Amino acid sequence: MEKKHILMLLAVVIIFAIPFLLYSGQGEEQGKFAGADASAGPVIEETGYKPWFEPIWEPPSGEIETLIFALQAAIGALIIGYFLGYYTAKRKLMRKTE
């Protein structure tokens, strides 16, 4: 391997390892790697905030909620990817015809 390939591989390994090295066990009472919603809830309750409305439908479990969120993210990524690909191909075609 060339020296630049080794340096890139080392950089990827370091970037991948940083979150594991910096994790100090915060949020253990709420579960490992708890999200912002879990830690923000008690703070919001302290302010006395009252919700304006109730949800129309609540997913039956956390797994279903995660699935719906993942589907939403995938659909958004597909839309963004489609338009990026479309405009990239359009730009390349315009350069060829010039």
N, C-alpha and C. Protein backbone atom coordinates (compact mmCIF):
# COMPACT_ATOMS: atom_id res chain seq x y z
N MET A 1 0.84 -1.19 0.00
CA MET A 1 0.00 0.00 0.00
C MET A 1 0.88 1.25 0.00
N GLU A 2 0.38 2.26 -0.65
CA GLU A 2 1.10 3.52 -0.65
C GLU A 2 0.93 4.21 0.69
N LYS A 3 1.82 5.15 0.93
CA LYS A 3 1.80 5.86 2.20
C LYS A 3 0.50 6.64 2.40
N LYS A 4 -0.05 7.25 1.32
CA LYS A 4 -1.27 8.03 1.46
C LYS A 4 -2.47 7.13 1.78
N HIS A 5 -2.47 5.90 1.27
CA HIS A 5 -3.55 4.98 1.59
C HIS A 5 -3.51 4.57 3.06
N ILE A 6 -2.33 4.36 3.56
CA ILE A 6 -2.17 4.00 4.97
C ILE A 6 -2.62 5.15 5.86
N LEU A 7 -2.26 6.38 5.49
CA LEU A 7 -2.67 7.54 6.28
C LEU A 7 -4.18 7.73 6.26
N MET A 8 -4.81 7.51 5.10
CA MET A 8 -6.27 7.62 5.03
C MET A 8 -6.94 6.54 5.88
N LEU A 9 -6.44 5.33 5.83
CA LEU A 9 -6.99 4.24 6.63
C LEU A 9 -6.83 4.54 8.12
N LEU A 10 -5.69 5.05 8.50
CA LEU A 10 -5.45 5.42 9.90
C LEU A 10 -6.40 6.54 10.33
N ALA A 11 -6.63 7.52 9.46
CA ALA A 11 -7.55 8.61 9.78
C ALA A 11 -8.97 8.09 9.97
N VAL A 12 -9.41 7.17 9.13
CA VAL A 12 -10.75 6.60 9.27
C VAL A 12 -10.88 5.84 10.58
N VAL A 13 -9.87 5.06 10.93
CA VAL A 13 -9.90 4.31 12.20
C VAL A 13 -9.95 5.26 13.39
N ILE A 14 -9.19 6.33 13.35
CA ILE A 14 -9.18 7.30 14.46
C ILE A 14 -10.53 7.99 14.56
N ILE A 15 -11.08 8.42 13.44
CA ILE A 15 -12.39 9.09 13.46
C ILE A 15 -13.46 8.15 13.97
N PHE A 16 -13.39 6.88 13.60
CA PHE A 16 -14.37 5.90 14.07
C PHE A 16 -14.21 5.64 15.57
N ALA A 17 -12.99 5.69 16.09
CA ALA A 17 -12.74 5.36 17.49
C ALA A 17 -13.01 6.51 18.44
N ILE A 18 -13.03 7.75 17.96
CA ILE A 18 -13.20 8.91 18.85
C ILE A 18 -14.47 8.84 19.70
N PRO A 19 -15.66 8.54 19.15
CA PRO A 19 -16.85 8.49 20.02
C PRO A 19 -16.74 7.46 21.13
N PHE A 20 -16.11 6.33 20.84
CA PHE A 20 -15.97 5.30 21.87
C PHE A 20 -14.99 5.71 22.96
N LEU A 21 -13.98 6.47 22.57
CA LEU A 21 -13.00 6.93 23.56
C LEU A 21 -13.55 8.06 24.42
N LEU A 22 -14.42 8.90 23.85
CA LEU A 22 -14.95 10.04 24.58
C LEU A 22 -16.16 9.70 25.43
N TYR A 23 -16.80 8.56 25.16
CA TYR A 23 -17.99 8.19 25.92
C TYR A 23 -17.61 7.95 27.37
N SER A 24 -18.28 8.68 28.29
CA SER A 24 -17.91 8.57 29.70
C SER A 24 -19.03 7.98 30.55
N GLY A 25 -20.01 7.33 29.95
CA GLY A 25 -21.07 6.71 30.72
C GLY A 25 -22.20 7.65 31.06
N GLN A 26 -22.31 8.78 30.40
CA GLN A 26 -23.39 9.72 30.66
C GLN A 26 -24.70 9.12 30.20
N GLY A 27 -25.75 9.35 30.95
CA GLY A 27 -27.07 8.88 30.57
C GLY A 27 -27.32 7.42 30.90
N GLU A 28 -26.54 6.84 31.81
CA GLU A 28 -26.71 5.44 32.15
C GLU A 28 -28.07 5.17 32.79
N GLU A 29 -28.62 6.14 33.56
CA GLU A 29 -29.89 5.90 34.21
C GLU A 29 -31.04 5.82 33.22
N GLN A 30 -30.87 6.35 32.03
CA GLN A 30 -31.93 6.33 31.02
C GLN A 30 -31.65 5.29 29.93
N GLY A 31 -30.61 4.57 30.07
CA GLY A 31 -30.24 3.60 29.04
C GLY A 31 -29.00 4.08 28.31
N LYS A 32 -28.26 3.15 27.79
CA LYS A 32 -27.02 3.49 27.12
C LYS A 32 -27.29 4.34 25.89
N PHE A 33 -26.54 5.41 25.73
CA PHE A 33 -26.66 6.32 24.61
C PHE A 33 -28.08 6.86 24.46
N ALA A 34 -28.64 7.34 25.56
CA ALA A 34 -30.00 7.90 25.53
C ALA A 34 -30.01 9.16 24.68
N GLY A 35 -31.11 9.39 24.01
CA GLY A 35 -31.22 10.54 23.10
C GLY A 35 -31.54 11.82 23.84
N ALA A 36 -31.64 12.89 23.10
CA ALA A 36 -31.91 14.21 23.67
C ALA A 36 -33.33 14.29 24.24
N ASP A 37 -34.27 13.55 23.66
CA ASP A 37 -35.64 13.58 24.15
C ASP A 37 -35.72 13.12 25.60
N ALA A 38 -34.96 12.09 25.94
CA ALA A 38 -35.01 11.54 27.29
C ALA A 38 -34.45 12.53 28.32
N SER A 39 -33.43 13.28 27.96
CA SER A 39 -32.85 14.22 28.91
C SER A 39 -33.57 15.57 28.90
N ALA A 40 -34.25 15.91 27.81
CA ALA A 40 -34.93 17.20 27.73
C ALA A 40 -36.30 17.16 28.40
N GLY A 41 -36.91 15.99 28.48
CA GLY A 41 -38.25 15.86 29.06
C GLY A 41 -38.38 16.43 30.45
N PRO A 42 -37.52 16.00 31.39
CA PRO A 42 -37.63 16.54 32.75
C PRO A 42 -37.39 18.05 32.82
N VAL A 43 -36.52 18.57 32.02
CA VAL A 43 -36.24 20.01 32.03
C VAL A 43 -37.46 20.78 31.54
N ILE A 44 -38.14 20.26 30.50
CA ILE A 44 -39.34 20.92 29.98
C ILE A 44 -40.45 20.87 31.02
N GLU A 45 -40.58 19.74 31.73
CA GLU A 45 -41.62 19.62 32.75
C GLU A 45 -41.41 20.62 33.89
N GLU A 46 -40.16 20.94 34.20
CA GLU A 46 -39.86 21.91 35.27
C GLU A 46 -40.37 23.31 34.91
N THR A 47 -40.43 23.63 33.63
CA THR A 47 -40.87 24.97 33.23
C THR A 47 -42.38 25.14 33.33
N GLY A 48 -43.12 24.04 33.45
CA GLY A 48 -44.57 24.11 33.54
C GLY A 48 -45.25 24.17 32.18
N TYR A 49 -44.56 23.79 31.14
CA TYR A 49 -45.11 23.82 29.78
C TYR A 49 -46.26 22.82 29.66
N LYS A 50 -47.35 23.24 29.06
CA LYS A 50 -48.50 22.38 28.80
C LYS A 50 -48.62 22.20 27.28
N PRO A 51 -48.69 20.97 26.79
CA PRO A 51 -48.83 20.75 25.34
C PRO A 51 -50.13 21.34 24.82
N TRP A 52 -50.12 21.80 23.58
CA TRP A 52 -51.30 22.39 22.97
C TRP A 52 -52.31 21.35 22.54
N PHE A 53 -51.83 20.18 22.14
CA PHE A 53 -52.73 19.13 21.66
C PHE A 53 -52.10 17.78 21.92
N GLU A 54 -52.90 16.75 21.81
CA GLU A 54 -52.44 15.38 21.98
C GLU A 54 -52.18 14.78 20.60
N PRO A 55 -51.25 13.81 20.53
CA PRO A 55 -51.00 13.15 19.24
C PRO A 55 -52.24 12.42 18.74
N ILE A 56 -52.41 12.39 17.43
CA ILE A 56 -53.54 11.69 16.82
C ILE A 56 -53.37 10.18 16.99
N TRP A 57 -52.15 9.70 16.78
CA TRP A 57 -51.86 8.27 16.87
C TRP A 57 -50.47 8.09 17.48
N GLU A 58 -50.35 7.17 18.39
CA GLU A 58 -49.04 6.85 18.96
C GLU A 58 -48.67 5.44 18.55
N PRO A 59 -47.44 5.23 18.10
CA PRO A 59 -47.02 3.89 17.72
C PRO A 59 -47.13 2.93 18.91
N PRO A 60 -47.46 1.66 18.63
CA PRO A 60 -47.64 0.72 19.72
C PRO A 60 -46.36 0.39 20.49
N SER A 61 -45.20 0.58 19.88
CA SER A 61 -43.95 0.29 20.59
C SER A 61 -42.84 1.19 20.07
N GLY A 62 -41.74 1.19 20.79
CA GLY A 62 -40.59 1.98 20.38
C GLY A 62 -39.97 1.49 19.09
N GLU A 63 -40.07 0.18 18.83
CA GLU A 63 -39.51 -0.37 17.60
C GLU A 63 -40.26 0.14 16.38
N ILE A 64 -41.59 0.23 16.50
CA ILE A 64 -42.40 0.74 15.39
C ILE A 64 -42.07 2.21 15.15
N GLU A 65 -41.91 2.96 16.23
CA GLU A 65 -41.56 4.38 16.10
C GLU A 65 -40.21 4.53 15.40
N THR A 66 -39.25 3.68 15.77
CA THR A 66 -37.94 3.72 15.13
C THR A 66 -38.04 3.34 13.66
N LEU A 67 -38.87 2.34 13.35
CA LEU A 67 -39.06 1.93 11.97
C LEU A 67 -39.63 3.06 11.13
N ILE A 68 -40.63 3.75 11.65
CA ILE A 68 -41.25 4.85 10.91
C ILE A 68 -40.24 5.98 10.71
N PHE A 69 -39.44 6.26 11.73
CA PHE A 69 -38.42 7.30 11.61
C PHE A 69 -37.38 6.91 10.55
N ALA A 70 -36.97 5.64 10.55
CA ALA A 70 -35.99 5.17 9.57
C ALA A 70 -36.56 5.24 8.15
N LEU A 71 -37.83 4.89 7.99
CA LEU A 71 -38.47 4.99 6.68
C LEU A 71 -38.53 6.44 6.21
N GLN A 72 -38.84 7.34 7.12
CA GLN A 72 -38.88 8.76 6.78
C GLN A 72 -37.50 9.24 6.34
N ALA A 73 -36.46 8.82 7.04
CA ALA A 73 -35.10 9.21 6.67
C ALA A 73 -34.71 8.62 5.32
N ALA A 74 -35.09 7.37 5.07
CA ALA A 74 -34.75 6.73 3.80
C ALA A 74 -35.46 7.42 2.64
N ILE A 75 -36.72 7.76 2.82
CA ILE A 75 -37.46 8.45 1.75
C ILE A 75 -36.83 9.81 1.47
N GLY A 76 -36.45 10.52 2.51
CA GLY A 76 -35.80 11.81 2.32
C GLY A 76 -34.46 11.67 1.61
N ALA A 77 -33.69 10.63 1.97
CA ALA A 77 -32.40 10.40 1.31
C ALA A 77 -32.60 10.05 -0.15
N LEU A 78 -33.64 9.27 -0.45
CA LEU A 78 -33.92 8.93 -1.85
C LEU A 78 -34.27 10.17 -2.66
N ILE A 79 -35.07 11.04 -2.11
CA ILE A 79 -35.46 12.26 -2.82
C ILE A 79 -34.25 13.15 -3.06
N ILE A 80 -33.45 13.35 -2.03
CA ILE A 80 -32.25 14.18 -2.18
C ILE A 80 -31.29 13.55 -3.18
N GLY A 81 -31.08 12.23 -3.07
CA GLY A 81 -30.19 11.53 -4.00
C GLY A 81 -30.67 11.61 -5.44
N TYR A 82 -31.98 11.50 -5.63
CA TYR A 82 -32.54 11.59 -6.98
C TYR A 82 -32.23 12.95 -7.59
N PHE A 83 -32.51 14.02 -6.87
CA PHE A 83 -32.29 15.34 -7.42
C PHE A 83 -30.81 15.67 -7.60
N LEU A 84 -29.97 15.21 -6.68
CA LEU A 84 -28.53 15.42 -6.88
C LEU A 84 -28.05 14.69 -8.12
N GLY A 85 -28.49 13.45 -8.30
CA GLY A 85 -28.11 12.69 -9.49
C GLY A 85 -28.66 13.30 -10.76
N TYR A 86 -29.90 13.76 -10.71
CA TYR A 86 -30.54 14.36 -11.87
C TYR A 86 -29.77 15.60 -12.33
N TYR A 87 -29.47 16.50 -11.40
CA TYR A 87 -28.79 17.73 -11.78
C TYR A 87 -27.33 17.50 -12.15
N THR A 88 -26.70 16.49 -11.56
CA THR A 88 -25.33 16.17 -11.95
C THR A 88 -25.30 15.63 -13.37
N ALA A 89 -26.23 14.71 -13.68
CA ALA A 89 -26.30 14.16 -15.04
C ALA A 89 -26.67 15.25 -16.04
N LYS A 90 -27.56 16.14 -15.67
CA LYS A 90 -27.96 17.23 -16.56
C LYS A 90 -26.76 18.14 -16.86
N ARG A 91 -25.96 18.44 -15.84
CA ARG A 91 -24.78 19.28 -16.02
C ARG A 91 -23.76 18.60 -16.92
N LYS A 92 -23.56 17.28 -16.73
CA LYS A 92 -22.62 16.55 -17.58
C LYS A 92 -23.10 16.51 -19.02
N LEU A 93 -24.39 16.34 -19.23
CA LEU A 93 -24.95 16.32 -20.59
C LEU A 93 -24.79 17.67 -21.24
N MET A 94 -25.00 18.73 -20.49
CA MET A 94 -24.84 20.08 -21.04
C MET A 94 -23.39 20.34 -21.43
N ARG A 95 -22.44 19.82 -20.65
CA ARG A 95 -21.03 19.99 -20.99
C ARG A 95 -20.66 19.23 -22.25
N LYS A 96 -21.26 18.04 -22.45
CA LYS A 96 -20.96 17.24 -23.64
C LYS A 96 -21.49 17.91 -24.90
N THR A 97 -22.64 18.56 -24.80
CA THR A 97 -23.25 19.15 -25.99
C THR A 97 -22.61 20.48 -26.38
N GLU A 98 -21.82 21.05 -25.50
CA GLU A 98 -21.19 22.34 -25.81
C GLU A 98 -20.04 22.21 -26.74
